[in-house]
């Protein structure tokens, strides 16, 4: 993922976002936060949450979140196909050939 990419939010409310900024370094993030808001205190994210992303979400606006809530659109599509296959199999139905073909094509990409 890089700044400017459209990415997928995998938590509620979900949906597409635009990546505005990414912080890989916790110390650098704290420094930038303290420069912007000197009285803000410690950030809400811990070292384990990094990298942290700043994204533009259609309903939440500009927010900051840990990167583990996000994936590329392509990764989200691959996951969606596999999840659909699981749900169909779990319901006791035969998985359509077109879906199996798309999942197999995912493996070669």
C-alpha atoms as a PDB file:
ATOM      1  CA  UNK A   1       0.000   0.000   0.000  1.00  0.00           C
ATOM      2  CA  UNK A   2       1.176   3.489  -0.749  1.00  0.00           C
ATOM      3  CA  UNK A   3      -0.202   6.978  -0.209  1.00  0.00           C
ATOM      4  CA  UNK A   4      -2.989   7.712  -2.680  1.00  0.00           C
ATOM      5  CA  UNK A   5      -4.089   4.075  -3.042  1.00  0.00           C
ATOM      6  CA  UNK A   6      -7.702   3.035  -2.671  1.00  0.00           C
ATOM      7  CA  UNK A   7      -7.794   0.390   0.070  1.00  0.00           C
ATOM      8  CA  UNK A   8     -10.430  -1.759   1.808  1.00  0.00           C
ATOM      9  CA  UNK A   9     -11.458  -1.280   5.450  1.00  0.00           C
ATOM     10  CA  UNK A  10     -12.073  -4.737   6.946  1.00  0.00           C
ATOM     11  CA  UNK A  11     -13.801  -3.562  10.110  1.00  0.00           C
ATOM     12  CA  UNK A  12     -17.198  -1.916  10.595  1.00  0.00           C
ATOM     13  CA  UNK A  13     -18.459   0.088   8.824  1.00  0.00           C
ATOM     14  CA  UNK A  14     -16.129  -1.264   6.114  1.00  0.00           C
ATOM     15  CA  UNK A  15     -15.750  -0.077   2.572  1.00  0.00           C
ATOM     16  CA  UNK A  16     -13.235   1.651   0.378  1.00  0.00           C
ATOM     17  CA  UNK A  17     -10.911   4.346   1.684  1.00  0.00           C
ATOM     18  CA  UNK A  18      -8.096   6.438   0.306  1.00  0.00           C
ATOM     19  CA  UNK A  19      -4.740   6.138   2.049  1.00  0.00           C
ATOM     20  CA  UNK A  20      -3.584   9.647   3.010  1.00  0.00           C
ATOM     21  CA  UNK A  21      -0.575   8.938   5.218  1.00  0.00           C
ATOM     22  CA  UNK A  22       1.256   5.999   6.790  1.00  0.00           C
ATOM     23  CA  UNK A  23       3.474   5.955   9.856  1.00  0.00           C
ATOM     24  CA  UNK A  24       5.841   2.993  10.248  1.00  0.00           C
ATOM     25  CA  UNK A  25       7.778   4.383  13.198  1.00  0.00           C
ATOM     26  CA  UNK A  26       6.075   4.853  16.572  1.00  0.00           C
ATOM     27  CA  UNK A  27       8.603   7.427  17.774  1.00  0.00           C
ATOM     28  CA  UNK A  28       8.230   9.497  14.586  1.00  0.00           C
ATOM     29  CA  UNK A  29       4.439   9.317  14.920  1.00  0.00           C
ATOM     30  CA  UNK A  30       4.612  10.583  18.536  1.00  0.00           C
ATOM     31  CA  UNK A  31       6.938  13.397  17.463  1.00  0.00           C
ATOM     32  CA  UNK A  32       4.637  14.512  14.634  1.00  0.00           C
ATOM     33  CA  UNK A  33       1.578  14.298  16.879  1.00  0.00           C
ATOM     34  CA  UNK A  34       3.241  16.428  19.571  1.00  0.00           C
ATOM     35  CA  UNK A  35       4.245  19.022  16.958  1.00  0.00           C
ATOM     36  CA  UNK A  36       0.650  19.268  15.713  1.00  0.00           C
ATOM     37  CA  UNK A  37      -1.004  19.079  19.131  1.00  0.00           C
ATOM     38  CA  UNK A  38       1.506  19.970  21.883  1.00  0.00           C
ATOM     39  CA  UNK A  39      -0.920  19.220  24.749  1.00  0.00           C
ATOM     40  CA  UNK A  40      -2.297  15.976  23.298  1.00  0.00           C
ATOM     41  CA  UNK A  41      -0.234  13.648  25.491  1.00  0.00           C
ATOM     42  CA  UNK A  42       0.646  10.120  24.380  1.00  0.00           C
ATOM     43  CA  UNK A  43      -1.019   8.758  21.241  1.00  0.00           C
ATOM     44  CA  UNK A  44      -3.733   6.132  21.589  1.00  0.00           C
ATOM     45  CA  UNK A  45      -1.787   3.656  19.437  1.00  0.00           C
ATOM     46  CA  UNK A  46       0.932   1.481  20.906  1.00  0.00           C
ATOM     47  CA  UNK A  47       4.028   0.140  19.173  1.00  0.00           C
ATOM     48  CA  UNK A  48       2.160  -3.106  18.445  1.00  0.00           C
ATOM     49  CA  UNK A  49      -0.424  -1.224  16.358  1.00  0.00           C
ATOM     50  CA  UNK A  50       2.096   0.063  13.830  1.00  0.00           C
ATOM     51  CA  UNK A  51       2.088   0.844  11.038  1.00  0.00           C
ATOM     52  CA  UNK A  52      -0.771   3.304  11.556  1.00  0.00           C
ATOM     53  CA  UNK A  53      -2.659   4.654   8.555  1.00  0.00           C
ATOM     54  CA  UNK A  54      -4.481   7.919   8.054  1.00  0.00           C
ATOM     55  CA  UNK A  55      -7.334   7.306   5.636  1.00  0.00           C
ATOM     56  CA  UNK A  56     -10.277   9.131   4.124  1.00  0.00           C
ATOM     57  CA  UNK A  57     -13.418   7.052   4.670  1.00  0.00           C
ATOM     58  CA  UNK A  58     -16.716   8.008   2.971  1.00  0.00           C
ATOM     59  CA  UNK A  59     -18.716   8.094   6.228  1.00  0.00           C
ATOM     60  CA  UNK A  60     -16.085   8.310   8.983  1.00  0.00           C
ATOM     61  CA  UNK A  61     -14.122  11.108   7.332  1.00  0.00           C
ATOM     62  CA  UNK A  62     -10.373  11.410   7.967  1.00  0.00           C
ATOM     63  CA  UNK A  63      -9.369   8.850  10.601  1.00  0.00           C
ATOM     64  CA  UNK A  64      -6.291   7.044  11.888  1.00  0.00           C
ATOM     65  CA  UNK A  65      -6.316   3.270  12.318  1.00  0.00           C
ATOM     66  CA  UNK A  66      -3.846   0.420  12.678  1.00  0.00           C
ATOM     67  CA  UNK A  67      -2.975  -1.104   9.325  1.00  0.00           C
ATOM     68  CA  UNK A  68      -4.296  -4.540  10.331  1.00  0.00           C
ATOM     69  CA  UNK A  69      -7.810  -3.272   9.577  1.00  0.00           C
ATOM     70  CA  UNK A  70      -6.915  -2.610   5.920  1.00  0.00           C
ATOM     71  CA  UNK A  71      -5.956  -4.480   2.788  1.00  0.00           C
ATOM     72  CA  UNK A  72      -5.562  -3.729  -0.875  1.00  0.00           C
ATOM     73  CA  UNK A  73      -8.689  -4.002  -2.999  1.00  0.00           C
ATOM     74  CA  UNK A  74      -7.187  -7.063  -4.721  1.00  0.00           C
ATOM     75  CA  UNK A  75      -6.539  -8.834  -1.411  1.00  0.00           C
ATOM     76  CA  UNK A  76     -10.106  -8.081  -0.288  1.00  0.00           C
ATOM     77  CA  UNK A  77     -11.492  -9.532  -3.533  1.00  0.00           C
ATOM     78  CA  UNK A  78      -9.453 -12.737  -3.108  1.00  0.00           C
ATOM     79  CA  UNK A  79     -10.652 -13.100   0.469  1.00  0.00           C
ATOM     80  CA  UNK A  80     -14.257 -12.471  -0.622  1.00  0.00           C
ATOM     81  CA  UNK A  81     -14.140 -15.288  -3.180  1.00  0.00           C
ATOM     82  CA  UNK A  82     -12.704 -17.731  -0.658  1.00  0.00           C
ATOM     83  CA  UNK A  83     -15.274 -16.688   1.942  1.00  0.00           C
ATOM     84  CA  UNK A  84     -18.077 -17.168  -0.599  1.00  0.00           C
ATOM     85  CA  UNK A  85     -16.788 -20.678  -1.390  1.00  0.00           C
ATOM     86  CA  UNK A  86     -16.747 -21.491   2.330  1.00  0.00           C
ATOM     87  CA  UNK A  87     -20.294 -20.198   2.861  1.00  0.00           C
ATOM     88  CA  UNK A  88     -21.632 -22.169  -0.119  1.00  0.00           C
ATOM     89  CA  UNK A  89     -19.914 -25.375   1.027  1.00  0.00           C
ATOM     90  CA  UNK A  90     -21.019 -24.829   4.637  1.00  0.00           C
ATOM     91  CA  UNK A  91     -24.626 -24.461   3.474  1.00  0.00           C
ATOM     92  CA  UNK A  92     -24.325 -27.830   1.726  1.00  0.00           C
ATOM     93  CA  UNK A  93     -24.418 -26.609  -1.854  1.00  0.00           C
ATOM     94  CA  UNK A  94     -22.097 -27.293  -4.749  1.00  0.00           C
ATOM     95  CA  UNK A  95     -19.632 -24.504  -5.438  1.00  0.00           C
ATOM     96  CA  UNK A  96     -20.142 -23.074  -8.941  1.00  0.00           C
ATOM     97  CA  UNK A  97     -17.427 -23.840 -11.470  1.00  0.00           C
ATOM     98  CA  UNK A  98     -16.891 -20.132 -12.246  1.00  0.00           C
ATOM     99  CA  UNK A  99     -16.031 -19.463  -8.595  1.00  0.00           C
ATOM    100  CA  UNK A 100     -13.598 -22.374  -8.395  1.00  0.00           C
ATOM    101  CA  UNK A 101     -11.958 -21.112 -11.596  1.00  0.00           C
ATOM    102  CA  UNK A 102     -11.545 -17.586 -10.190  1.00  0.00           C
ATOM    103  CA  UNK A 103     -10.042 -18.940  -6.961  1.00  0.00           C
ATOM    104  CA  UNK A 104      -7.610 -21.079  -8.951  1.00  0.00           C
ATOM    105  CA  UNK A 105      -6.626 -18.019 -11.011  1.00  0.00           C
ATOM    106  CA  UNK A 106      -5.950 -16.125  -7.757  1.00  0.00           C
ATOM    107  CA  UNK A 107      -3.297 -18.726  -6.957  1.00  0.00           C
ATOM    108  CA  UNK A 108      -1.365 -17.940 -10.159  1.00  0.00           C
ATOM    109  CA  UNK A 109      -1.357 -14.153  -9.656  1.00  0.00           C
END
